[in-house]
């Protein structure tokens, strides 16, 4: 009986702890900087399964690339200036 209660208490603690971590992670805003300047995005960076997803265009434009998109072929091209 004591083992079952202890297991239940531990399970509740783990679930509550993971909920707190997820809430803290969502509240933290990811910032991307290049040469000390923060890069702005139309859509905020997102962390999914430990991977940070960001928009392609703002980063590559900051690196000196010209970006074009062909809607007919769904191809993105990045050409260094």
PDB file of N, CA and C in Angstrom:
ATOM      1  N   UNK A   1       0.829  -1.198   0.000  1.00  0.00           N
ATOM      2  CA  UNK A   1       0.000   0.000   0.000  1.00  0.00           C
ATOM      3  C   UNK A   1       0.864   1.249   0.000  1.00  0.00           C
ATOM      4  N   UNK A   2       1.892   1.274   0.889  1.00  0.00           N
ATOM      5  CA  UNK A   2       2.771   2.439   0.956  1.00  0.00           C
ATOM      6  C   UNK A   2       3.513   2.631  -0.362  1.00  0.00           C
ATOM      7  N   UNK A   3       3.895   1.522  -1.009  1.00  0.00           N
ATOM      8  CA  UNK A   3       4.611   1.591  -2.279  1.00  0.00           C
ATOM      9  C   UNK A   3       3.717   2.210  -3.358  1.00  0.00           C
ATOM     10  N   UNK A   4       2.440   1.859  -3.363  1.00  0.00           N
ATOM     11  CA  UNK A   4       1.499   2.372  -4.351  1.00  0.00           C
ATOM     12  C   UNK A   4       1.292   3.880  -4.145  1.00  0.00           C
ATOM     13  N   UNK A   5       1.168   4.320  -2.913  1.00  0.00           N
ATOM     14  CA  UNK A   5       0.992   5.749  -2.604  1.00  0.00           C
ATOM     15  C   UNK A   5       2.240   6.521  -3.009  1.00  0.00           C
ATOM     16  N   UNK A   6       3.420   5.976  -2.690  1.00  0.00           N
ATOM     17  CA  UNK A   6       4.677   6.630  -3.037  1.00  0.00           C
ATOM     18  C   UNK A   6       4.812   6.754  -4.556  1.00  0.00           C
ATOM     19  N   UNK A   7       4.450   5.710  -5.285  1.00  0.00           N
ATOM     20  CA  UNK A   7       4.507   5.724  -6.750  1.00  0.00           C
ATOM     21  C   UNK A   7       3.563   6.787  -7.307  1.00  0.00           C
ATOM     22  N   UNK A   8       2.365   6.889  -6.751  1.00  0.00           N
ATOM     23  CA  UNK A   8       1.394   7.883  -7.190  1.00  0.00           C
ATOM     24  C   UNK A   8       1.902   9.296  -6.926  1.00  0.00           C
ATOM     25  N   UNK A   9       2.469   9.531  -5.747  1.00  0.00           N
ATOM     26  CA  UNK A   9       2.998  10.842  -5.399  1.00  0.00           C
ATOM     27  C   UNK A   9       4.151  11.216  -6.339  1.00  0.00           C
ATOM     28  N   UNK A  10       5.021  10.257  -6.635  1.00  0.00           N
ATOM     29  CA  UNK A  10       6.137  10.518  -7.535  1.00  0.00           C
ATOM     30  C   UNK A  10       5.641  10.836  -8.945  1.00  0.00           C
ATOM     31  N   UNK A  11       4.637  10.104  -9.415  1.00  0.00           N
ATOM     32  CA  UNK A  11       4.089  10.341 -10.757  1.00  0.00           C
ATOM     33  C   UNK A  11       3.476  11.730 -10.851  1.00  0.00           C
ATOM     34  N   UNK A  12       2.736  12.139  -9.830  1.00  0.00           N
ATOM     35  CA  UNK A  12       2.133  13.473  -9.813  1.00  0.00           C
ATOM     36  C   UNK A  12       3.230  14.538  -9.806  1.00  0.00           C
ATOM     37  N   UNK A  13       4.294  14.309  -9.042  1.00  0.00           N
ATOM     38  CA  UNK A  13       5.408  15.247  -8.991  1.00  0.00           C
ATOM     39  C   UNK A  13       6.098  15.391 -10.334  1.00  0.00           C
ATOM     40  N   UNK A  14       6.290  14.279 -11.027  1.00  0.00           N
ATOM     41  CA  UNK A  14       6.931  14.322 -12.344  1.00  0.00           C
ATOM     42  C   UNK A  14       6.060  15.073 -13.338  1.00  0.00           C
ATOM     43  N   UNK A  15       4.780  14.789 -13.356  1.00  0.00           N
ATOM     44  CA  UNK A  15       3.865  15.481 -14.271  1.00  0.00           C
ATOM     45  C   UNK A  15       3.817  16.971 -13.960  1.00  0.00           C
ATOM     46  N   UNK A  16       3.712  17.338 -12.703  1.00  0.00           N
ATOM     47  CA  UNK A  16       3.665  18.753 -12.317  1.00  0.00           C
ATOM     48  C   UNK A  16       4.969  19.445 -12.688  1.00  0.00           C
ATOM     49  N   UNK A  17       6.093  18.769 -12.490  1.00  0.00           N
ATOM     50  CA  UNK A  17       7.395  19.343 -12.839  1.00  0.00           C
ATOM     51  C   UNK A  17       7.545  19.553 -14.325  1.00  0.00           C
ATOM     52  N   UNK A  18       7.062  18.627 -15.126  1.00  0.00           N
ATOM     53  CA  UNK A  18       7.177  18.778 -16.576  1.00  0.00           C
ATOM     54  C   UNK A  18       6.258  19.878 -17.081  1.00  0.00           C
ATOM     55  N   UNK A  19       5.117  20.068 -16.443  1.00  0.00           N
ATOM     56  CA  UNK A  19       4.220  21.154 -16.839  1.00  0.00           C
ATOM     57  C   UNK A  19       4.859  22.503 -16.535  1.00  0.00           C
ATOM     58  N   UNK A  20       5.528  22.615 -15.422  1.00  0.00           N
ATOM     59  CA  UNK A  20       6.202  23.851 -15.053  1.00  0.00           C
ATOM     60  C   UNK A  20       7.319  24.153 -16.042  1.00  0.00           C
ATOM     61  N   UNK A  21       8.090  23.140 -16.432  1.00  0.00           N
ATOM     62  CA  UNK A  21       9.180  23.328 -17.386  1.00  0.00           C
ATOM     63  C   UNK A  21       8.649  23.788 -18.736  1.00  0.00           C
ATOM     64  N   UNK A  22       7.560  23.187 -19.200  1.00  0.00           N
ATOM     65  CA  UNK A  22       6.985  23.578 -20.483  1.00  0.00           C
ATOM     66  C   UNK A  22       6.474  25.009 -20.434  1.00  0.00           C
ATOM     67  N   UNK A  23       5.862  25.394 -19.322  1.00  0.00           N
ATOM     68  CA  UNK A  23       5.369  26.756 -19.181  1.00  0.00           C
ATOM     69  C   UNK A  23       6.522  27.739 -19.162  1.00  0.00           C
ATOM     70  N   UNK A  24       7.590  27.420 -18.457  1.00  0.00           N
ATOM     71  CA  UNK A  24       8.757  28.297 -18.408  1.00  0.00           C
ATOM     72  C   UNK A  24       9.388  28.431 -19.781  1.00  0.00           C
ATOM     73  N   UNK A  25       9.476  27.330 -20.524  1.00  0.00           N
ATOM     74  CA  UNK A  25      10.064  27.353 -21.848  1.00  0.00           C
ATOM     75  C   UNK A  25       9.232  28.213 -22.790  1.00  0.00           C
ATOM     76  N   UNK A  26       7.910  28.103 -22.707  1.00  0.00           N
ATOM     77  CA  UNK A  26       7.045  28.893 -23.572  1.00  0.00           C
ATOM     78  C   UNK A  26       7.161  30.371 -23.258  1.00  0.00           C
ATOM     79  N   UNK A  27       7.387  30.697 -21.998  1.00  0.00           N
ATOM     80  CA  UNK A  27       7.473  32.096 -21.602  1.00  0.00           C
ATOM     81  C   UNK A  27       8.809  32.724 -21.998  1.00  0.00           C
ATOM     82  N   UNK A  28       9.829  31.899 -22.227  1.00  0.00           N
ATOM     83  CA  UNK A  28      11.137  32.404 -22.605  1.00  0.00           C
ATOM     84  C   UNK A  28      11.144  32.690 -24.104  1.00  0.00           C
ATOM     85  N   UNK A  29      11.502  33.903 -24.465  1.00  0.00           N
ATOM     86  CA  UNK A  29      11.537  34.266 -25.871  1.00  0.00           C
ATOM     87  C   UNK A  29      12.943  34.026 -26.417  1.00  0.00           C
ATOM     88  N   UNK A  30      13.037  33.319 -27.530  1.00  0.00           N
ATOM     89  CA  UNK A  30      14.314  33.035 -28.156  1.00  0.00           C
ATOM     90  C   UNK A  30      14.732  34.238 -28.985  1.00  0.00           C
ATOM     91  N   UNK A  31      15.980  34.673 -28.805  1.00  0.00           N
ATOM     92  CA  UNK A  31      16.516  35.794 -29.573  1.00  0.00           C
ATOM     93  C   UNK A  31      17.679  35.302 -30.415  1.00  0.00           C
ATOM     94  N   UNK A  32      17.764  35.822 -31.634  1.00  0.00           N
ATOM     95  CA  UNK A  32      18.866  35.489 -32.525  1.00  0.00           C
ATOM     96  C   UNK A  32      19.654  36.765 -32.761  1.00  0.00           C
ATOM     97  N   UNK A  33      20.981  36.691 -32.573  1.00  0.00           N
ATOM     98  CA  UNK A  33      21.822  37.873 -32.806  1.00  0.00           C
ATOM     99  C   UNK A  33      22.901  37.553 -33.825  1.00  0.00           C
ATOM    100  N   UNK A  34      23.300  38.586 -34.565  1.00  0.00           N
ATOM    101  CA  UNK A  34      24.375  38.483 -35.541  1.00  0.00           C
ATOM    102  C   UNK A  34      25.233  39.720 -35.405  1.00  0.00           C
ATOM    103  N   UNK A  35      26.510  39.544 -35.140  1.00  0.00           N
ATOM    104  CA  UNK A  35      27.435  40.662 -34.905  1.00  0.00           C
ATOM    105  C   UNK A  35      26.900  41.636 -33.858  1.00  0.00           C
ATOM    106  N   UNK A  36      26.281  41.088 -32.818  1.00  0.00           N
ATOM    107  CA  UNK A  36      25.777  41.918 -31.726  1.00  0.00           C
ATOM    108  C   UNK A  36      24.441  42.582 -31.995  1.00  0.00           C
ATOM    109  N   UNK A  37      23.854  42.384 -33.178  1.00  0.00           N
ATOM    110  CA  UNK A  37      22.564  42.971 -33.529  1.00  0.00           C
ATOM    111  C   UNK A  37      21.489  41.891 -33.508  1.00  0.00           C
ATOM    112  N   UNK A  38      20.375  42.169 -32.830  1.00  0.00           N
ATOM    113  CA  UNK A  38      19.263  41.216 -32.774  1.00  0.00           C
ATOM    114  C   UNK A  38      18.536  41.191 -34.114  1.00  0.00           C
ATOM    115  N   UNK A  39      18.282  39.992 -34.618  1.00  0.00           N
ATOM    116  CA  UNK A  39      17.552  39.829 -35.880  1.00  0.00           C
ATOM    117  C   UNK A  39      16.067  39.747 -35.565  1.00  0.00           C
ATOM    118  N   UNK A  40      15.267  40.544 -36.271  1.00  0.00           N
ATOM    119  CA  UNK A  40      13.810  40.549 -36.081  1.00  0.00           C
ATOM    120  C   UNK A  40      13.156  39.568 -37.045  1.00  0.00           C
ATOM    121  N   UNK A  41      12.102  38.919 -36.577  1.00  0.00           N
ATOM    122  CA  UNK A  41      11.351  37.966 -37.388  1.00  0.00           C
ATOM    123  C   UNK A  41       9.887  38.355 -37.404  1.00  0.00           C
ATOM    124  N   UNK A  42       9.208  38.055 -38.514  1.00  0.00           N
ATOM    125  CA  UNK A  42       7.754  38.263 -38.582  1.00  0.00           C
ATOM    126  C   UNK A  42       7.045  37.255 -37.685  1.00  0.00           C
ATOM    127  N   UNK A  43       7.618  36.053 -37.595  1.00  0.00           N
ATOM    128  CA  UNK A  43       7.091  34.992 -36.746  1.00  0.00           C
ATOM    129  C   UNK A  43       8.180  34.660 -35.724  1.00  0.00           C
ATOM    130  N   UNK A  44       7.827  34.653 -34.450  1.00  0.00           N
ATOM    131  CA  UNK A  44       8.806  34.377 -33.397  1.00  0.00           C
ATOM    132  C   UNK A  44       9.418  32.990 -33.556  1.00  0.00           C
ATOM    133  N   UNK A  45      10.717  32.849 -33.226  1.00  0.00           N
ATOM    134  CA  UNK A  45      11.333  31.523 -33.232  1.00  0.00           C
ATOM    135  C   UNK A  45      10.577  30.578 -32.288  1.00  0.00           C
ATOM    136  N   UNK A  46      10.552  29.299 -32.651  1.00  0.00           N
ATOM    137  CA  UNK A  46       9.819  28.288 -31.896  1.00  0.00           C
ATOM    138  C   UNK A  46      10.771  27.148 -31.561  1.00  0.00           C
ATOM    139  N   UNK A  47      10.685  26.633 -30.350  1.00  0.00           N
ATOM    140  CA  UNK A  47      11.470  25.465 -29.958  1.00  0.00           C
ATOM    141  C   UNK A  47      10.535  24.263 -29.958  1.00  0.00           C
ATOM    142  N   UNK A  48      10.865  23.264 -30.794  1.00  0.00           N
ATOM    143  CA  UNK A  48      10.072  22.035 -30.873  1.00  0.00           C
ATOM    144  C   UNK A  48      11.002  20.850 -30.736  1.00  0.00           C
ATOM    145  N   UNK A  49      10.736  20.020 -29.759  1.00  0.00           N
ATOM    146  CA  UNK A  49      11.512  18.806 -29.516  1.00  0.00           C
ATOM    147  C   UNK A  49      13.009  19.115 -29.451  1.00  0.00           C
ATOM    148  N   UNK A  50      13.349  20.245 -28.813  1.00  0.00           N
ATOM    149  CA  UNK A  50      14.742  20.605 -28.613  1.00  0.00           C
ATOM    150  C   UNK A  50      15.409  21.276 -29.802  1.00  0.00           C
ATOM    151  N   UNK A  51      14.643  21.548 -30.856  1.00  0.00           N
ATOM    152  CA  UNK A  51      15.183  22.192 -32.052  1.00  0.00           C
ATOM    153  C   UNK A  51      14.552  23.573 -32.194  1.00  0.00           C
ATOM    154  N   UNK A  52      15.376  24.596 -32.410  1.00  0.00           N
ATOM    155  CA  UNK A  52      14.875  25.952 -32.586  1.00  0.00           C
ATOM    156  C   UNK A  52      14.612  26.198 -34.069  1.00  0.00           C
ATOM    157  N   UNK A  53      13.378  26.585 -34.392  1.00  0.00           N
ATOM    158  CA  UNK A  53      12.973  26.863 -35.771  1.00  0.00           C
ATOM    159  C   UNK A  53      12.860  28.368 -35.953  1.00  0.00           C
ATOM    160  N   UNK A  54      13.530  28.891 -36.986  1.00  0.00           N
ATOM    161  CA  UNK A  54      13.491  30.321 -37.281  1.00  0.00           C
ATOM    162  C   UNK A  54      13.226  30.525 -38.763  1.00  0.00           C
ATOM    163  N   UNK A  55      12.833  31.750 -39.124  1.00  0.00           N
ATOM    164  CA  UNK A  55      12.622  32.075 -40.529  1.00  0.00           C
ATOM    165  C   UNK A  55      13.961  32.130 -41.259  1.00  0.00           C
ATOM    166  N   UNK A  56      13.962  31.682 -42.472  1.00  0.00           N
ATOM    167  CA  UNK A  56      15.142  31.612 -43.322  1.00  0.00           C
ATOM    168  C   UNK A  56      15.577  33.000 -43.801  1.00  0.00           C
ATOM    169  N   UNK A  57      14.642  33.781 -44.322  1.00  0.00           N
ATOM    170  CA  UNK A  57      14.958  35.047 -44.986  1.00  0.00           C
ATOM    171  C   UNK A  57      15.709  36.055 -44.112  1.00  0.00           C
ATOM    172  N   UNK A  58      15.250  36.395 -42.924  1.00  0.00           N
ATOM    173  CA  UNK A  58      15.956  37.423 -42.146  1.00  0.00           C
ATOM    174  C   UNK A  58      17.417  37.080 -41.848  1.00  0.00           C
ATOM    175  N   UNK A  59      17.691  35.812 -41.585  1.00  0.00           N
ATOM    176  CA  UNK A  59      19.060  35.407 -41.276  1.00  0.00           C
ATOM    177  C   UNK A  59      19.937  35.508 -42.522  1.00  0.00           C
ATOM    178  N   UNK A  60      19.462  34.981 -43.633  1.00  0.00           N
ATOM    179  CA  UNK A  60      20.274  35.002 -44.845  1.00  0.00           C
ATOM    180  C   UNK A  60      20.444  36.417 -45.401  1.00  0.00           C
ATOM    181  N   UNK A  61      19.434  37.262 -45.268  1.00  0.00           N
ATOM    182  CA  UNK A  61      19.592  38.657 -45.694  1.00  0.00           C
ATOM    183  C   UNK A  61      20.650  39.356 -44.846  1.00  0.00           C
ATOM    184  N   UNK A  62      20.686  39.061 -43.549  1.00  0.00           N
ATOM    185  CA  UNK A  62      21.686  39.635 -42.652  1.00  0.00           C
ATOM    186  C   UNK A  62      23.089  39.157 -43.035  1.00  0.00           C
ATOM    187  N   UNK A  63      23.189  37.949 -43.580  1.00  0.00           N
ATOM    188  CA  UNK A  63      24.464  37.397 -44.020  1.00  0.00           C
ATOM    189  C   UNK A  63      24.886  37.916 -45.402  1.00  0.00           C
ATOM    190  N   UNK A  64      24.015  38.718 -46.041  1.00  0.00           N
ATOM    191  CA  UNK A  64      24.365  39.320 -47.324  1.00  0.00           C
ATOM    192  C   UNK A  64      23.799  38.624 -48.547  1.00  0.00           C
ATOM    193  N   UNK A  65      22.840  37.762 -48.359  1.00  0.00           N
ATOM    194  CA  UNK A  65      22.230  37.060 -49.481  1.00  0.00           C
ATOM    195  C   UNK A  65      20.987  37.797 -49.976  1.00  0.00           C
ATOM    196  N   UNK A  66      20.700  37.654 -51.282  1.00  0.00           N
ATOM    197  CA  UNK A  66      19.432  38.099 -51.852  1.00  0.00           C
ATOM    198  C   UNK A  66      18.570  36.843 -51.984  1.00  0.00           C
ATOM    199  N   UNK A  67      17.350  36.912 -51.462  1.00  0.00           N
ATOM    200  CA  UNK A  67      16.455  35.753 -51.438  1.00  0.00           C
ATOM    201  C   UNK A  67      15.352  35.954 -52.473  1.00  0.00           C
ATOM    202  N   UNK A  68      15.068  34.904 -53.244  1.00  0.00           N
ATOM    203  CA  UNK A  68      13.933  34.948 -54.169  1.00  0.00           C
ATOM    204  C   UNK A  68      13.143  33.647 -54.027  1.00  0.00           C
ATOM    205  N   UNK A  69      11.861  33.746 -54.335  1.00  0.00           N
ATOM    206  CA  UNK A  69      10.979  32.582 -54.231  1.00  0.00           C
ATOM    207  C   UNK A  69      10.201  32.438 -55.520  1.00  0.00           C
ATOM    208  N   UNK A  70      10.205  31.251 -56.099  1.00  0.00           N
ATOM    209  CA  UNK A  70       9.452  30.951 -57.304  1.00  0.00           C
ATOM    210  C   UNK A  70       8.227  30.142 -56.886  1.00  0.00           C
ATOM    211  N   UNK A  71       7.067  30.788 -56.909  1.00  0.00           N
ATOM    212  CA  UNK A  71       5.828  30.140 -56.477  1.00  0.00           C
ATOM    213  C   UNK A  71       5.391  29.003 -57.374  1.00  0.00           C
ATOM    214  N   UNK A  72       5.756  29.064 -58.650  1.00  0.00           N
ATOM    215  CA  UNK A  72       5.359  28.016 -59.589  1.00  0.00           C
ATOM    216  C   UNK A  72       6.080  26.700 -59.290  1.00  0.00           C
ATOM    217  N   UNK A  73       7.343  26.800 -58.874  1.00  0.00           N
ATOM    218  CA  UNK A  73       8.131  25.593 -58.609  1.00  0.00           C
ATOM    219  C   UNK A  73       8.359  25.353 -57.115  1.00  0.00           C
ATOM    220  N   UNK A  74       7.908  26.308 -56.277  1.00  0.00           N
ATOM    221  CA  UNK A  74       8.124  26.247 -54.818  1.00  0.00           C
ATOM    222  C   UNK A  74       9.615  26.125 -54.470  1.00  0.00           C
ATOM    223  N   UNK A  75      10.427  26.924 -55.155  1.00  0.00           N
ATOM    224  CA  UNK A  75      11.878  26.901 -54.928  1.00  0.00           C
ATOM    225  C   UNK A  75      12.323  28.247 -54.343  1.00  0.00           C
ATOM    226  N   UNK A  76      13.101  28.170 -53.261  1.00  0.00           N
ATOM    227  CA  UNK A  76      13.710  29.352 -52.663  1.00  0.00           C
ATOM    228  C   UNK A  76      15.171  29.376 -53.114  1.00  0.00           C
ATOM    229  N   UNK A  77      15.616  30.557 -53.575  1.00  0.00           N
ATOM    230  CA  UNK A  77      17.009  30.704 -53.999  1.00  0.00           C
ATOM    231  C   UNK A  77      17.668  31.784 -53.177  1.00  0.00           C
ATOM    232  N   UNK A  78      18.873  31.494 -52.691  1.00  0.00           N
ATOM    233  CA  UNK A  78      19.671  32.462 -51.946  1.00  0.00           C
ATOM    234  C   UNK A  78      20.958  32.699 -52.727  1.00  0.00           C
ATOM    235  N   UNK A  79      21.179  33.953 -53.135  1.00  0.00           N
ATOM    236  CA  UNK A  79      22.366  34.303 -53.919  1.00  0.00           C
ATOM    237  C   UNK A  79      23.145  35.350 -53.136  1.00  0.00           C
ATOM    238  N   UNK A  80      24.461  35.097 -52.950  1.00  0.00           N
ATOM    239  CA  UNK A  80      25.301  36.030 -52.242  1.00  0.00           C
ATOM    240  C   UNK A  80      25.475  37.300 -53.090  1.00  0.00           C
ATOM    241  N   UNK A  81      25.386  38.461 -52.430  1.00  0.00           N
ATOM    242  CA  UNK A  81      25.508  39.731 -53.165  1.00  0.00           C
ATOM    243  C   UNK A  81      26.935  40.007 -53.507  1.00  0.00           C
TER     244      UNK A  81
END
